[in-house]
Structures are given as structure tokens and as C-alpha cells.
PDB file of N, CA and C in Angstrom:
ATOM      1  N   MET A   1     -23.354  48.261   9.151  1.00  0.00           N
ATOM      2  CA  MET A   1     -22.599  47.556   8.144  1.00  0.00           C
ATOM      3  C   MET A   1     -21.461  46.786   8.759  1.00  0.00           C
ATOM      4  N   PHE A   2     -20.640  47.416   9.546  1.00  0.00           N
ATOM      5  CA  PHE A   2     -19.527  46.733  10.204  1.00  0.00           C
ATOM      6  C   PHE A   2     -19.915  46.475  11.674  1.00  0.00           C
ATOM      7  N   ARG A   3     -19.612  45.329  12.116  1.00  0.00           N
ATOM      8  CA  ARG A   3     -19.846  44.999  13.526  1.00  0.00           C
ATOM      9  C   ARG A   3     -18.624  45.401  14.347  1.00  0.00           C
ATOM     10  N   LYS A   4     -18.864  45.830  15.486  1.00  0.00           N
ATOM     11  CA  LYS A   4     -17.756  46.217  16.336  1.00  0.00           C
ATOM     12  C   LYS A   4     -17.127  44.909  16.902  1.00  0.00           C
ATOM     13  N   ILE A   5     -15.803  44.786  16.800  1.00  0.00           N
ATOM     14  CA  ILE A   5     -15.085  43.583  17.211  1.00  0.00           C
ATOM     15  C   ILE A   5     -14.868  43.726  18.705  1.00  0.00           C
ATOM     16  N   SER A   6     -15.322  42.754  19.432  1.00  0.00           N
ATOM     17  CA  SER A   6     -15.127  42.800  20.891  1.00  0.00           C
ATOM     18  C   SER A   6     -13.949  41.908  21.239  1.00  0.00           C
ATOM     19  N   GLY A   7     -13.424  42.077  22.428  1.00  0.00           N
ATOM     20  CA  GLY A   7     -12.272  41.295  22.833  1.00  0.00           C
ATOM     21  C   GLY A   7     -12.634  39.876  23.233  1.00  0.00           C
ATOM     22  N   ASN A   8     -13.909  39.512  23.238  1.00  0.00           N
ATOM     23  CA  ASN A   8     -14.370  38.204  23.673  1.00  0.00           C
ATOM     24  C   ASN A   8     -14.855  37.408  22.458  1.00  0.00           C
ATOM     25  N   GLN A   9     -13.915  37.121  21.518  1.00  0.00           N
ATOM     26  CA  GLN A   9     -14.291  36.427  20.295  1.00  0.00           C
ATOM     27  C   GLN A   9     -14.100  34.899  20.521  1.00  0.00           C
ATOM     28  N   SER A  10     -14.921  34.170  19.804  1.00  0.00           N
ATOM     29  CA  SER A  10     -14.760  32.699  19.873  1.00  0.00           C
ATOM     30  C   SER A  10     -14.293  32.233  18.481  1.00  0.00           C
ATOM     31  N   GLY A  11     -13.622  31.105  18.431  1.00  0.00           N
ATOM     32  CA  GLY A  11     -13.116  30.569  17.169  1.00  0.00           C
ATOM     33  C   GLY A  11     -11.610  30.403  17.205  1.00  0.00           C
ATOM     34  N   PHE A  12     -11.029  30.006  16.108  1.00  0.00           N
ATOM     35  CA  PHE A  12      -9.612  29.744  16.024  1.00  0.00           C
ATOM     36  C   PHE A  12      -8.915  30.879  15.223  1.00  0.00           C
ATOM     37  N   SER A  13      -7.701  31.154  15.598  1.00  0.00           N
ATOM     38  CA  SER A  13      -6.941  32.141  14.829  1.00  0.00           C
ATOM     39  C   SER A  13      -6.341  31.483  13.582  1.00  0.00           C
ATOM     40  N   LEU A  14      -5.855  32.284  12.659  1.00  0.00           N
ATOM     41  CA  LEU A  14      -5.272  31.757  11.459  1.00  0.00           C
ATOM     42  C   LEU A  14      -4.039  30.906  11.744  1.00  0.00           C
ATOM     43  N   VAL A  15      -3.250  31.341  12.735  1.00  0.00           N
ATOM     44  CA  VAL A  15      -2.047  30.593  13.110  1.00  0.00           C
ATOM     45  C   VAL A  15      -2.431  29.212  13.642  1.00  0.00           C
ATOM     46  N   GLU A  16      -3.433  29.156  14.455  1.00  0.00           N
ATOM     47  CA  GLU A  16      -3.863  27.858  15.002  1.00  0.00           C
ATOM     48  C   GLU A  16      -4.358  26.906  13.901  1.00  0.00           C
ATOM     49  N   VAL A  17      -5.122  27.440  12.962  1.00  0.00           N
ATOM     50  CA  VAL A  17      -5.646  26.618  11.863  1.00  0.00           C
ATOM     51  C   VAL A  17      -4.476  26.127  10.993  1.00  0.00           C
ATOM     52  N   MET A  18      -3.511  27.028  10.716  1.00  0.00           N
ATOM     53  CA  MET A  18      -2.389  26.613   9.879  1.00  0.00           C
ATOM     54  C   MET A  18      -1.534  25.566  10.598  1.00  0.00           C
ATOM     55  N   LEU A  19      -1.328  25.711  11.879  1.00  0.00           N
ATOM     56  CA  LEU A  19      -0.542  24.750  12.650  1.00  0.00           C
ATOM     57  C   LEU A  19      -1.210  23.380  12.646  1.00  0.00           C
ATOM     58  N   VAL A  20      -2.502  23.341  12.850  1.00  0.00           N
ATOM     59  CA  VAL A  20      -3.202  22.059  12.876  1.00  0.00           C
ATOM     60  C   VAL A  20      -3.184  21.459  11.476  1.00  0.00           C
ATOM     61  N   SER A  21      -3.304  22.265  10.454  1.00  0.00           N
ATOM     62  CA  SER A  21      -3.265  21.787   9.062  1.00  0.00           C
ATOM     63  C   SER A  21      -1.893  21.144   8.771  1.00  0.00           C
ATOM     64  N   ALA A  22      -0.809  21.803   9.190  1.00  0.00           N
ATOM     65  CA  ALA A  22       0.535  21.284   8.972  1.00  0.00           C
ATOM     66  C   ALA A  22       0.685  19.923   9.720  1.00  0.00           C
ATOM     67  N   ILE A  23       0.218  19.846  10.926  1.00  0.00           N
ATOM     68  CA  ILE A  23       0.306  18.591  11.666  1.00  0.00           C
ATOM     69  C   ILE A  23      -0.473  17.502  10.979  1.00  0.00           C
ATOM     70  N   MET A  24      -1.654  17.794  10.458  1.00  0.00           N
ATOM     71  CA  MET A  24      -2.466  16.811   9.767  1.00  0.00           C
ATOM     72  C   MET A  24      -1.808  16.335   8.506  1.00  0.00           C
ATOM     73  N   VAL A  25      -1.170  17.235   7.765  1.00  0.00           N
ATOM     74  CA  VAL A  25      -0.431  16.870   6.560  1.00  0.00           C
ATOM     75  C   VAL A  25       0.677  15.875   6.878  1.00  0.00           C
ATOM     76  N   ILE A  26       1.417  16.158   7.930  1.00  0.00           N
ATOM     77  CA  ILE A  26       2.509  15.281   8.354  1.00  0.00           C
ATOM     78  C   ILE A  26       1.978  13.889   8.702  1.00  0.00           C
ATOM     79  N   ILE A  27       0.886  13.833   9.440  1.00  0.00           N
ATOM     80  CA  ILE A  27       0.299  12.553   9.813  1.00  0.00           C
ATOM     81  C   ILE A  27      -0.202  11.781   8.593  1.00  0.00           C
ATOM     82  N   VAL A  28      -0.855  12.447   7.689  1.00  0.00           N
ATOM     83  CA  VAL A  28      -1.384  11.788   6.495  1.00  0.00           C
ATOM     84  C   VAL A  28      -0.243  11.290   5.617  1.00  0.00           C
ATOM     85  N   MET A  29       0.833  12.062   5.491  1.00  0.00           N
ATOM     86  CA  MET A  29       1.967  11.635   4.702  1.00  0.00           C
ATOM     87  C   MET A  29       2.595  10.355   5.306  1.00  0.00           C
ATOM     88  N   GLY A  30       2.698  10.333   6.631  1.00  0.00           N
ATOM     89  CA  GLY A  30       3.222   9.143   7.296  1.00  0.00           C
ATOM     90  C   GLY A  30       2.373   7.929   7.051  1.00  0.00           C
ATOM     91  N   MET A  31       1.046   8.111   7.135  1.00  0.00           N
ATOM     92  CA  MET A  31       0.149   6.999   6.878  1.00  0.00           C
ATOM     93  C   MET A  31       0.242   6.515   5.416  1.00  0.00           C
ATOM     94  N   ALA A  32       0.403   7.464   4.528  1.00  0.00           N
ATOM     95  CA  ALA A  32       0.524   7.091   3.096  1.00  0.00           C
ATOM     96  C   ALA A  32       1.802   6.252   2.883  1.00  0.00           C
ATOM     97  N   GLU A  33       2.858   6.619   3.533  1.00  0.00           N
ATOM     98  CA  GLU A  33       4.113   5.827   3.412  1.00  0.00           C
ATOM     99  C   GLU A  33       3.928   4.411   3.942  1.00  0.00           C
ATOM    100  N   ILE A  34       3.182   4.272   5.032  1.00  0.00           N
ATOM    101  CA  ILE A  34       2.911   2.953   5.551  1.00  0.00           C
ATOM    102  C   ILE A  34       2.103   2.104   4.600  1.00  0.00           C
ATOM    103  N   PHE A  35       1.079   2.737   4.016  1.00  0.00           N
ATOM    104  CA  PHE A  35       0.228   2.007   3.054  1.00  0.00           C
ATOM    105  C   PHE A  35       1.021   1.599   1.823  1.00  0.00           C
ATOM    106  N   VAL A  36       1.894   2.474   1.304  1.00  0.00           N
ATOM    107  CA  VAL A  36       2.713   2.150   0.137  1.00  0.00           C
ATOM    108  C   VAL A  36       3.643   1.034   0.458  1.00  0.00           C
ATOM    109  N   GLY A  37       4.250   1.045   1.640  1.00  0.00           N
ATOM    110  CA  GLY A  37       5.157  -0.048   2.038  1.00  0.00           C
ATOM    111  C   GLY A  37       4.422  -1.366   2.180  1.00  0.00           C
ATOM    112  N   GLN A  38       3.234  -1.337   2.698  1.00  0.00           N
ATOM    113  CA  GLN A  38       2.451  -2.549   2.812  1.00  0.00           C
ATOM    114  C   GLN A  38       2.067  -3.116   1.429  1.00  0.00           C
ATOM    115  N   ALA A  39       1.748  -2.230   0.498  1.00  0.00           N
ATOM    116  CA  ALA A  39       1.407  -2.676  -0.865  1.00  0.00           C
ATOM    117  C   ALA A  39       2.597  -3.324  -1.535  1.00  0.00           C
ATOM    118  N   LYS A  40       3.766  -2.743  -1.388  1.00  0.00           N
ATOM    119  CA  LYS A  40       4.982  -3.314  -1.979  1.00  0.00           C
ATOM    120  C   LYS A  40       5.285  -4.670  -1.326  1.00  0.00           C
ATOM    121  N   SER A  41       5.133  -4.764  -0.045  1.00  0.00           N
ATOM    122  CA  SER A  41       5.351  -6.037   0.657  1.00  0.00           C
ATOM    123  C   SER A  41       4.391  -7.117   0.168  1.00  0.00           C
ATOM    124  N   GLN A  42       3.146  -6.732   0.021  1.00  0.00           N
ATOM    125  CA  GLN A  42       2.127  -7.689  -0.451  1.00  0.00           C
ATOM    126  C   GLN A  42       2.407  -8.126  -1.880  1.00  0.00           C
ATOM    127  N   LYS A  43       2.870  -7.238  -2.720  1.00  0.00           N
ATOM    128  CA  LYS A  43       3.197  -7.588  -4.100  1.00  0.00           C
ATOM    129  C   LYS A  43       4.390  -8.530  -4.129  1.00  0.00           C
ATOM    130  N   SER A  44       5.359  -8.289  -3.294  1.00  0.00           N
ATOM    131  CA  SER A  44       6.539  -9.147  -3.228  1.00  0.00           C
ATOM    132  C   SER A  44       6.139 -10.558  -2.749  1.00  0.00           C
ATOM    133  N   ALA A  45       5.329 -10.602  -1.727  1.00  0.00           N
ATOM    134  CA  ALA A  45       4.913 -11.905  -1.206  1.00  0.00           C
ATOM    135  C   ALA A  45       4.079 -12.686  -2.249  1.00  0.00           C
ATOM    136  N   GLN A  46       3.282 -11.992  -3.022  1.00  0.00           N
ATOM    137  CA  GLN A  46       2.488 -12.610  -4.075  1.00  0.00           C
ATOM    138  C   GLN A  46       3.385 -13.155  -5.163  1.00  0.00           C
ATOM    139  N   SER A  47       4.420 -12.398  -5.535  1.00  0.00           N
ATOM    140  CA  SER A  47       5.373 -12.849  -6.547  1.00  0.00           C
ATOM    141  C   SER A  47       6.118 -14.102  -6.072  1.00  0.00           C
ATOM    142  N   LYS A  48       6.507 -14.118  -4.824  1.00  0.00           N
ATOM    143  CA  LYS A  48       7.210 -15.320  -4.279  1.00  0.00           C
ATOM    144  C   LYS A  48       6.277 -16.527  -4.270  1.00  0.00           C
ATOM    145  N   ALA A  49       5.030 -16.328  -3.944  1.00  0.00           N
ATOM    146  CA  ALA A  49       4.061 -17.433  -3.930  1.00  0.00           C
ATOM    147  C   ALA A  49       3.841 -17.980  -5.339  1.00  0.00           C
ATOM    148  N   ASN A  50       3.780 -17.051  -6.315  1.00  0.00           N
ATOM    149  CA  ASN A  50       3.615 -17.507  -7.724  1.00  0.00           C
ATOM    150  C   ASN A  50       4.848 -18.270  -8.193  1.00  0.00           C
ATOM    151  N   ALA A  51       6.031 -17.836  -7.844  1.00  0.00           N
ATOM    152  CA  ALA A  51       7.244 -18.532  -8.231  1.00  0.00           C
ATOM    153  C   ALA A  51       7.304 -19.926  -7.581  1.00  0.00           C
ATOM    154  N   LEU A  52       6.884 -20.002  -6.358  1.00  0.00           N
ATOM    155  CA  LEU A  52       6.882 -21.301  -5.658  1.00  0.00           C
ATOM    156  C   LEU A  52       5.876 -22.255  -6.327  1.00  0.00           C
ATOM    157  N   GLN A  53       4.741 -21.726  -6.725  1.00  0.00           N
ATOM    158  CA  GLN A  53       3.732 -22.549  -7.415  1.00  0.00           C
ATOM    159  C   GLN A  53       4.274 -23.067  -8.736  1.00  0.00           C
ATOM    160  N   VAL A  54       4.960 -22.218  -9.465  1.00  0.00           N
ATOM    161  CA  VAL A  54       5.567 -22.646 -10.759  1.00  0.00           C
ATOM    162  C   VAL A  54       6.604 -23.745 -10.500  1.00  0.00           C
ATOM    163  N   GLN A  55       7.431 -23.556  -9.445  1.00  0.00           N
ATOM    164  CA  GLN A  55       8.437 -24.569  -9.093  1.00  0.00           C
ATOM    165  C   GLN A  55       7.803 -25.909  -8.791  1.00  0.00           C
ATOM    166  N   ILE A  56       6.735 -25.878  -7.999  1.00  0.00           N
ATOM    167  CA  ILE A  56       6.084 -27.133  -7.617  1.00  0.00           C
ATOM    168  C   ILE A  56       5.463 -27.794  -8.865  1.00  0.00           C
ATOM    169  N   SER A  57       4.893 -27.004  -9.759  1.00  0.00           N
ATOM    170  CA  SER A  57       4.301 -27.573 -10.964  1.00  0.00           C
ATOM    171  C   SER A  57       5.357 -28.202 -11.823  1.00  0.00           C
ATOM    172  N   ILE A  58       6.502 -27.566 -11.969  1.00  0.00           N
ATOM    173  CA  ILE A  58       7.588 -28.115 -12.795  1.00  0.00           C
ATOM    174  C   ILE A  58       8.133 -29.398 -12.160  1.00  0.00           C
ATOM    175  N   GLN A  59       8.320 -29.396 -10.846  1.00  0.00           N
ATOM    176  CA  GLN A  59       8.815 -30.580 -10.161  1.00  0.00           C
ATOM    177  C   GLN A  59       7.841 -31.761 -10.279  1.00  0.00           C
ATOM    178  N   SER A  60       6.555 -31.485 -10.177  1.00  0.00           N
ATOM    179  CA  SER A  60       5.609 -32.584 -10.268  1.00  0.00           C
ATOM    180  C   SER A  60       5.509 -33.108 -11.705  1.00  0.00           C
ATOM    181  N   ALA A  61       5.665 -32.214 -12.690  1.00  0.00           N
ATOM    182  CA  ALA A  61       5.657 -32.664 -14.065  1.00  0.00           C
ATOM    183  C   ALA A  61       6.928 -33.446 -14.389  1.00  0.00           C
ATOM    184  N   ALA A  62       8.054 -33.033 -13.844  1.00  0.00           N
ATOM    185  CA  ALA A  62       9.304 -33.718 -14.128  1.00  0.00           C
ATOM    186  C   ALA A  62       9.379 -35.072 -13.424  1.00  0.00           C
ATOM    187  N   SER A  63       8.609 -35.275 -12.367  1.00  0.00           N
ATOM    188  CA  SER A  63       8.695 -36.538 -11.622  1.00  0.00           C
ATOM    189  C   SER A  63       7.778 -37.591 -12.288  1.00  0.00           C
ATOM    190  N   ASP A  64       6.985 -37.205 -13.245  1.00  0.00           N
ATOM    191  CA  ASP A  64       6.090 -38.159 -13.931  1.00  0.00           C
ATOM    192  C   ASP A  64       6.553 -38.304 -15.378  1.00  0.00           C
ATOM    193  N   PRO A  65       7.294 -39.373 -15.726  1.00  0.00           N
ATOM    194  CA  PRO A  65       7.837 -39.525 -17.087  1.00  0.00           C
ATOM    195  C   PRO A  65       6.712 -39.648 -18.136  1.00  0.00           C
ATOM    196  N   ALA A  66       5.588 -40.227 -17.763  1.00  0.00           N
ATOM    197  CA  ALA A  66       4.492 -40.337 -18.691  1.00  0.00           C
ATOM    198  C   ALA A  66       3.958 -38.979 -19.128  1.00  0.00           C
ATOM    199  N   ALA A  67       3.939 -38.029 -18.196  1.00  0.00           N
ATOM    200  CA  ALA A  67       3.463 -36.689 -18.507  1.00  0.00           C
ATOM    201  C   ALA A  67       4.398 -35.997 -19.475  1.00  0.00           C
ATOM    202  N   ILE A  68       5.711 -36.252 -19.351  1.00  0.00           N
ATOM    203  CA  ILE A  68       6.711 -35.682 -20.223  1.00  0.00           C
ATOM    204  C   ILE A  68       6.505 -36.217 -21.641  1.00  0.00           C
ATOM    205  N   LEU A  69       6.281 -37.514 -21.757  1.00  0.00           N
ATOM    206  CA  LEU A  69       6.070 -38.127 -23.068  1.00  0.00           C
ATOM    207  C   LEU A  69       4.761 -37.647 -23.719  1.00  0.00           C
ATOM    208  N   ARG A  70       3.745 -37.454 -22.920  1.00  0.00           N
ATOM    209  CA  ARG A  70       2.445 -36.967 -23.481  1.00  0.00           C
ATOM    210  C   ARG A  70       2.543 -35.530 -23.933  1.00  0.00           C
ATOM    211  N   SER A  71       3.385 -34.738 -23.301  1.00  0.00           N
ATOM    212  CA  SER A  71       3.445 -33.301 -23.630  1.00  0.00           C
ATOM    213  C   SER A  71       4.430 -33.003 -24.789  1.00  0.00           C
ATOM    214  N   SER A  72       5.262 -33.971 -25.160  1.00  0.00           N
ATOM    215  CA  SER A  72       6.249 -33.704 -26.227  1.00  0.00           C
ATOM    216  C   SER A  72       5.590 -33.791 -27.588  1.00  0.00           C
ATOM    217  N   VAL A  73       6.077 -32.996 -28.467  1.00  0.00           N
ATOM    218  CA  VAL A  73       5.573 -32.982 -29.829  1.00  0.00           C
ATOM    219  C   VAL A  73       6.623 -33.651 -30.723  1.00  0.00           C
ATOM    220  N   LEU A  74       6.207 -34.624 -31.484  1.00  0.00           N
ATOM    221  CA  LEU A  74       7.170 -35.337 -32.336  1.00  0.00           C
ATOM    222  C   LEU A  74       7.073 -34.877 -33.735  1.00  0.00           C
TER     223      LEU A  74
END
């Protein structure tokens, strides 16, 4: 029923497994922070690009008086 435990066992101890697990959690958390930072940076860059596009559209519309007259409602 029970096997005799010999001094020549193979495998990892509980302490080794817990230590590696803790190190992996730290690495994964660091990578998650990097990904979140990149996502925020990408969102900010996209917002700036959208604002610039709106500015260009407004400037081009304002530089064409005929377009202003066509768009006004009397």
C-alpha cells in the first residue's frame, strides 16, 4: 500500500515550486504593466490624431467661403 521513500527522489520540492511560482507572478505582473502602458499611449496618440484631423477639416472649410455659404441655413 505505501511505498518506501528512498533518499534518491526526483522532482521538485514544494519550496522550489512556490519560489518559481512567485517569480513567474512577478514577471507576468511586470509584463501586464507594460501592455497597459502601451494601450494608454496608443489611445492618447489616436486621440491626438483625431483632434488634428478635426482641426484640418475646420481650417479647410473656413478657407473656402463658398463652402461656408453652402452649409449655412437661412
